[in-house]
């Protein structure tokens, strides 16, 4: 079980990583969670971003490991996410995925240190 302090710290790290993703690039939930110091917490990362409305985050730049947008039971948010990404130049295949070799963000140049 995690404490509120740990959850808040994870949330802030996810926000920090998400803000680093450049326009026209995407990262996976697992990649963001790992960079935030919590490998294996992809679902938790998705939960944080799903509830980040009004935070000024480029949340749309985080997608699943298959290069697809995850709906999470929502109908409107995935459509908005795709529109936002396409406006940034991300192209989706007919299958609904984007080419991670083209649009995938490699992450920061140096190892991140968290307090």
N, C-alpha and C. Protein backbone atom coordinates (compact mmCIF):
# COMPACT_ATOMS: atom_id res chain seq x y z
N UNK A 1 0.84 -1.18 0.00
CA UNK A 1 0.00 0.00 0.00
C UNK A 1 0.89 1.25 0.00
N UNK A 2 0.50 2.25 -0.77
CA UNK A 2 1.29 3.47 -0.84
C UNK A 2 0.66 4.57 0.00
N UNK A 3 1.49 5.46 0.46
CA UNK A 3 0.99 6.57 1.25
C UNK A 3 0.55 7.69 0.32
N UNK A 4 -0.20 8.64 0.86
CA UNK A 4 -0.62 9.81 0.08
C UNK A 4 0.60 10.58 -0.43
N UNK A 5 1.64 10.63 0.42
CA UNK A 5 2.86 11.34 0.04
C UNK A 5 3.53 10.67 -1.16
N UNK A 6 3.58 9.33 -1.16
CA UNK A 6 4.17 8.60 -2.27
C UNK A 6 3.35 8.79 -3.55
N UNK A 7 2.02 8.76 -3.41
CA UNK A 7 1.15 8.97 -4.57
C UNK A 7 1.34 10.36 -5.15
N UNK A 8 1.42 11.36 -4.29
CA UNK A 8 1.62 12.73 -4.74
C UNK A 8 2.97 12.87 -5.42
N UNK A 9 4.00 12.26 -4.87
CA UNK A 9 5.33 12.31 -5.45
C UNK A 9 5.34 11.65 -6.83
N UNK A 10 4.70 10.49 -6.97
CA UNK A 10 4.61 9.80 -8.25
C UNK A 10 3.86 10.68 -9.25
N UNK A 11 2.77 11.24 -8.83
CA UNK A 11 1.97 12.11 -9.69
C UNK A 11 2.81 13.28 -10.21
N UNK A 12 3.55 13.92 -9.34
CA UNK A 12 4.37 15.06 -9.74
C UNK A 12 5.49 14.64 -10.70
N UNK A 13 6.04 13.45 -10.48
CA UNK A 13 7.08 12.94 -11.39
C UNK A 13 6.48 12.63 -12.76
N UNK A 14 5.29 12.03 -12.78
CA UNK A 14 4.61 11.74 -14.05
C UNK A 14 4.35 13.06 -14.79
N UNK A 15 3.89 14.07 -14.08
CA UNK A 15 3.67 15.37 -14.69
C UNK A 15 4.96 15.93 -15.28
N UNK A 16 6.04 15.84 -14.52
CA UNK A 16 7.34 16.37 -14.98
C UNK A 16 7.80 15.66 -16.25
N UNK A 17 7.70 14.35 -16.28
CA UNK A 17 8.11 13.57 -17.46
C UNK A 17 7.22 13.92 -18.65
N UNK A 18 5.92 13.97 -18.43
CA UNK A 18 4.98 14.26 -19.51
C UNK A 18 5.26 15.62 -20.13
N UNK A 19 5.64 16.58 -19.32
CA UNK A 19 5.97 17.91 -19.84
C UNK A 19 7.23 17.90 -20.71
N UNK A 20 8.08 16.90 -20.56
CA UNK A 20 9.31 16.80 -21.35
C UNK A 20 9.08 16.27 -22.76
N UNK A 21 7.97 15.60 -22.99
CA UNK A 21 7.72 14.97 -24.29
C UNK A 21 7.50 16.07 -25.33
N UNK A 22 8.32 16.11 -26.36
CA UNK A 22 8.19 17.19 -27.36
C UNK A 22 6.93 17.05 -28.21
N UNK A 23 6.50 18.16 -28.71
CA UNK A 23 5.38 18.22 -29.65
C UNK A 23 5.68 17.29 -30.83
N UNK A 24 4.68 16.50 -31.23
CA UNK A 24 4.85 15.59 -32.36
C UNK A 24 5.49 14.26 -32.00
N UNK A 25 5.74 14.04 -30.72
CA UNK A 25 6.30 12.78 -30.24
C UNK A 25 5.37 12.17 -29.21
N UNK A 26 5.49 10.87 -28.99
CA UNK A 26 4.69 10.17 -27.99
C UNK A 26 5.59 9.29 -27.13
N UNK A 27 5.12 9.00 -25.95
CA UNK A 27 5.78 8.06 -25.05
C UNK A 27 4.72 7.08 -24.56
N UNK A 28 5.15 5.96 -24.04
CA UNK A 28 4.19 4.99 -23.51
C UNK A 28 3.98 5.21 -22.02
N UNK A 29 2.86 4.70 -21.53
CA UNK A 29 2.58 4.79 -20.09
C UNK A 29 3.69 4.12 -19.29
N UNK A 30 4.15 2.98 -19.77
CA UNK A 30 5.22 2.26 -19.08
C UNK A 30 6.52 3.03 -19.09
N UNK A 31 6.83 3.68 -20.19
CA UNK A 31 8.04 4.48 -20.30
C UNK A 31 8.00 5.64 -19.31
N UNK A 32 6.86 6.33 -19.25
CA UNK A 32 6.72 7.46 -18.33
C UNK A 32 6.84 6.98 -16.89
N UNK A 33 6.16 5.87 -16.57
CA UNK A 33 6.22 5.33 -15.21
C UNK A 33 7.65 4.96 -14.83
N UNK A 34 8.37 4.33 -15.75
CA UNK A 34 9.76 3.94 -15.48
C UNK A 34 10.64 5.17 -15.27
N UNK A 35 10.50 6.16 -16.13
CA UNK A 35 11.27 7.39 -15.98
C UNK A 35 10.92 8.13 -14.68
N UNK A 36 9.68 7.92 -14.23
CA UNK A 36 9.23 8.54 -12.98
C UNK A 36 9.69 7.74 -11.76
N UNK A 37 10.45 6.68 -12.01
CA UNK A 37 11.01 5.89 -10.91
C UNK A 37 10.14 4.76 -10.42
N UNK A 38 9.11 4.42 -11.21
CA UNK A 38 8.19 3.36 -10.80
C UNK A 38 7.94 2.38 -11.94
N UNK A 39 8.98 1.64 -12.32
CA UNK A 39 8.84 0.65 -13.38
C UNK A 39 7.69 -0.29 -13.04
N UNK A 40 6.90 -0.61 -14.02
CA UNK A 40 5.77 -1.52 -13.81
C UNK A 40 4.49 -0.82 -13.38
N UNK A 41 4.52 0.50 -13.33
CA UNK A 41 3.34 1.25 -12.87
C UNK A 41 2.64 1.96 -14.03
N UNK A 42 2.58 1.30 -15.18
CA UNK A 42 1.95 1.90 -16.36
C UNK A 42 0.49 2.25 -16.10
N UNK A 43 -0.24 1.35 -15.46
CA UNK A 43 -1.67 1.63 -15.18
C UNK A 43 -1.83 2.82 -14.25
N UNK A 44 -0.97 2.91 -13.27
CA UNK A 44 -1.02 4.03 -12.33
C UNK A 44 -0.72 5.33 -13.07
N UNK A 45 0.21 5.28 -14.00
CA UNK A 45 0.53 6.44 -14.81
C UNK A 45 -0.69 6.86 -15.63
N UNK A 46 -1.36 5.90 -16.22
CA UNK A 46 -2.58 6.18 -16.98
C UNK A 46 -3.65 6.82 -16.11
N UNK A 47 -3.78 6.32 -14.90
CA UNK A 47 -4.76 6.87 -13.96
C UNK A 47 -4.43 8.33 -13.65
N UNK A 48 -3.17 8.62 -13.39
CA UNK A 48 -2.75 9.99 -13.09
C UNK A 48 -3.09 10.91 -14.27
N UNK A 49 -2.74 10.49 -15.48
CA UNK A 49 -2.97 11.33 -16.65
C UNK A 49 -4.45 11.46 -16.98
N UNK A 50 -5.22 10.43 -16.73
CA UNK A 50 -6.66 10.47 -17.00
C UNK A 50 -7.34 11.52 -16.13
N UNK A 51 -6.79 11.75 -14.97
CA UNK A 51 -7.38 12.70 -14.03
C UNK A 51 -6.60 14.01 -13.95
N UNK A 52 -5.89 14.34 -15.04
CA UNK A 52 -5.04 15.53 -15.03
C UNK A 52 -5.68 16.73 -15.73
N UNK A 53 -6.96 16.66 -16.02
CA UNK A 53 -7.63 17.75 -16.72
C UNK A 53 -7.40 19.07 -15.99
N UNK A 54 -7.11 20.09 -16.75
CA UNK A 54 -6.90 21.41 -16.17
C UNK A 54 -5.50 21.63 -15.62
N UNK A 55 -4.64 20.64 -15.75
CA UNK A 55 -3.28 20.75 -15.23
C UNK A 55 -2.32 21.36 -16.26
N UNK A 56 -2.80 21.60 -17.48
CA UNK A 56 -1.94 22.17 -18.51
C UNK A 56 -0.89 21.20 -19.03
N UNK A 57 -1.17 19.92 -18.91
CA UNK A 57 -0.22 18.88 -19.35
C UNK A 57 -0.50 18.45 -20.78
N UNK A 58 0.54 18.10 -21.53
CA UNK A 58 0.32 17.51 -22.85
C UNK A 58 0.05 16.00 -22.70
N UNK A 59 -0.99 15.66 -21.95
CA UNK A 59 -1.37 14.28 -21.64
C UNK A 59 -1.57 13.44 -22.88
N UNK A 60 -1.97 14.09 -23.97
CA UNK A 60 -2.26 13.36 -25.20
C UNK A 60 -1.04 12.66 -25.76
N UNK A 61 0.15 13.05 -25.32
CA UNK A 61 1.39 12.49 -25.86
C UNK A 61 1.78 11.16 -25.21
N UNK A 62 0.95 10.64 -24.34
CA UNK A 62 1.23 9.36 -23.70
C UNK A 62 0.19 8.35 -24.17
N UNK A 63 0.69 7.27 -24.77
CA UNK A 63 -0.18 6.24 -25.36
C UNK A 63 0.28 4.86 -24.89
N UNK A 64 -0.39 3.83 -25.36
CA UNK A 64 -0.02 2.49 -24.89
C UNK A 64 1.18 1.93 -25.67
N UNK A 65 1.68 0.81 -25.20
CA UNK A 65 2.90 0.22 -25.74
C UNK A 65 2.77 -0.26 -27.19
N UNK A 66 1.54 -0.42 -27.66
CA UNK A 66 1.31 -0.83 -29.05
C UNK A 66 1.22 0.37 -29.99
N UNK A 67 1.43 1.58 -29.45
CA UNK A 67 1.34 2.77 -30.27
C UNK A 67 -0.08 3.22 -30.51
N UNK A 68 -0.97 2.78 -29.63
CA UNK A 68 -2.39 3.11 -29.77
C UNK A 68 -2.87 3.98 -28.62
N UNK A 69 -3.98 4.61 -28.86
CA UNK A 69 -4.64 5.40 -27.82
C UNK A 69 -5.52 4.45 -27.02
N UNK A 70 -5.39 4.51 -25.70
CA UNK A 70 -6.21 3.68 -24.82
C UNK A 70 -7.45 4.45 -24.40
N UNK A 71 -8.60 3.81 -24.56
CA UNK A 71 -9.85 4.47 -24.23
C UNK A 71 -10.20 4.48 -22.77
N UNK A 72 -9.89 3.41 -22.07
CA UNK A 72 -10.22 3.34 -20.65
C UNK A 72 -11.70 3.48 -20.38
N UNK A 73 -12.53 3.06 -21.34
CA UNK A 73 -13.97 3.13 -21.15
C UNK A 73 -14.58 4.47 -21.54
N UNK A 74 -13.75 5.43 -21.89
CA UNK A 74 -14.23 6.76 -22.30
C UNK A 74 -14.36 6.79 -23.82
N UNK A 75 -15.38 7.46 -24.32
CA UNK A 75 -15.58 7.55 -25.75
C UNK A 75 -14.98 8.84 -26.31
N UNK A 76 -15.15 9.94 -25.61
CA UNK A 76 -14.76 11.25 -26.12
C UNK A 76 -13.27 11.55 -25.98
N UNK A 77 -12.68 11.16 -24.86
CA UNK A 77 -11.27 11.49 -24.60
C UNK A 77 -10.34 10.88 -25.66
N UNK A 78 -10.53 9.61 -26.07
CA UNK A 78 -9.65 9.07 -27.11
C UNK A 78 -9.76 9.83 -28.44
N UNK A 79 -10.95 10.27 -28.78
CA UNK A 79 -11.13 11.05 -30.01
C UNK A 79 -10.39 12.39 -29.91
N UNK A 80 -10.52 13.04 -28.76
CA UNK A 80 -9.81 14.29 -28.52
C UNK A 80 -8.30 14.06 -28.56
N UNK A 81 -7.85 12.98 -27.94
CA UNK A 81 -6.41 12.67 -27.91
C UNK A 81 -5.88 12.50 -29.33
N UNK A 82 -6.60 11.77 -30.13
CA UNK A 82 -6.15 11.57 -31.51
C UNK A 82 -6.12 12.89 -32.28
N UNK A 83 -7.14 13.70 -32.11
CA UNK A 83 -7.19 15.01 -32.79
C UNK A 83 -6.00 15.88 -32.38
N UNK A 84 -5.71 15.89 -31.08
CA UNK A 84 -4.59 16.69 -30.58
C UNK A 84 -3.26 16.20 -31.14
N UNK A 85 -3.09 14.88 -31.17
CA UNK A 85 -1.84 14.32 -31.70
C UNK A 85 -1.71 14.56 -33.19
N UNK A 86 -2.79 14.40 -33.93
CA UNK A 86 -2.75 14.64 -35.37
C UNK A 86 -2.43 16.11 -35.66
N UNK A 87 -2.94 17.01 -34.82
CA UNK A 87 -2.65 18.44 -34.98
C UNK A 87 -1.16 18.72 -34.74
N UNK A 88 -0.49 17.83 -34.00
CA UNK A 88 0.95 17.96 -33.75
C UNK A 88 1.77 17.26 -34.82
N UNK A 89 1.10 16.59 -35.76
CA UNK A 89 1.80 15.92 -36.85
C UNK A 89 1.95 14.42 -36.71
N UNK A 90 1.40 13.84 -35.65
CA UNK A 90 1.47 12.39 -35.48
C UNK A 90 0.46 11.75 -36.44
N UNK A 91 0.92 10.78 -37.21
CA UNK A 91 0.08 10.10 -38.19
C UNK A 91 -0.26 8.71 -37.66
N UNK A 92 -1.53 8.36 -37.76
CA UNK A 92 -2.01 7.05 -37.34
C UNK A 92 -2.31 6.19 -38.56
N UNK A 93 -1.98 4.91 -38.43
CA UNK A 93 -2.28 3.94 -39.47
C UNK A 93 -3.78 3.63 -39.45
N UNK A 94 -4.23 2.93 -40.47
CA UNK A 94 -5.64 2.49 -40.49
C UNK A 94 -5.98 1.64 -39.28
N UNK A 95 -4.99 0.93 -38.78
CA UNK A 95 -5.20 0.04 -37.63
C UNK A 95 -5.40 0.84 -36.34
N UNK A 96 -5.09 2.15 -36.38
CA UNK A 96 -5.24 2.99 -35.19
C UNK A 96 -3.96 3.19 -34.41
N UNK A 97 -2.86 2.61 -34.88
CA UNK A 97 -1.58 2.79 -34.18
C UNK A 97 -0.71 3.79 -34.93
N UNK A 98 0.25 4.33 -34.21
CA UNK A 98 1.25 5.18 -34.87
C UNK A 98 2.57 4.43 -34.86
N UNK A 99 3.46 4.82 -35.72
CA UNK A 99 4.76 4.18 -35.83
C UNK A 99 5.66 4.69 -34.71
N UNK A 100 5.91 3.85 -33.72
CA UNK A 100 6.72 4.25 -32.57
C UNK A 100 8.17 4.52 -32.96
N UNK A 101 8.63 3.93 -34.08
CA UNK A 101 10.00 4.22 -34.53
C UNK A 101 10.10 5.64 -35.06
N UNK A 102 9.01 6.17 -35.55
CA UNK A 102 8.98 7.53 -36.08
C UNK A 102 8.59 8.54 -35.01
N UNK A 103 7.54 8.23 -34.26
CA UNK A 103 6.95 9.20 -33.33
C UNK A 103 7.31 8.96 -31.86
N UNK A 104 7.94 7.84 -31.58
CA UNK A 104 8.29 7.54 -30.19
C UNK A 104 9.39 8.43 -29.66
N UNK A 105 9.19 8.92 -28.47
CA UNK A 105 10.17 9.76 -27.79
C UNK A 105 11.17 8.85 -27.11
N UNK A 106 12.44 9.15 -27.24
CA UNK A 106 13.48 8.31 -26.65
C UNK A 106 13.72 8.62 -25.18
N UNK A 107 13.19 9.71 -24.71
CA UNK A 107 13.37 10.07 -23.31
C UNK A 107 14.48 11.08 -23.12
N UNK A 108 14.71 11.48 -21.89
CA UNK A 108 15.73 12.49 -21.62
C UNK A 108 17.13 11.98 -21.95
N UNK A 109 18.01 12.91 -22.25
CA UNK A 109 19.39 12.56 -22.62
C UNK A 109 20.20 12.04 -21.43
N UNK A 110 19.82 12.43 -20.26
CA UNK A 110 20.56 12.00 -19.07
C UNK A 110 19.60 11.35 -18.07
N UNK A 111 20.17 10.58 -17.21
CA UNK A 111 19.38 9.90 -16.18
C UNK A 111 18.78 10.93 -15.23
N UNK A 112 17.51 10.73 -14.93
CA UNK A 112 16.82 11.65 -14.03
C UNK A 112 17.05 11.24 -12.58
N UNK A 113 17.18 12.22 -11.74
CA UNK A 113 17.36 11.95 -10.31
C UNK A 113 16.17 12.51 -9.56
N UNK A 114 15.55 11.69 -8.75
CA UNK A 114 14.40 12.10 -7.97
C UNK A 114 14.77 12.12 -6.51
N UNK A 115 14.27 13.10 -5.82
CA UNK A 115 14.55 13.20 -4.38
C UNK A 115 13.65 12.29 -3.60
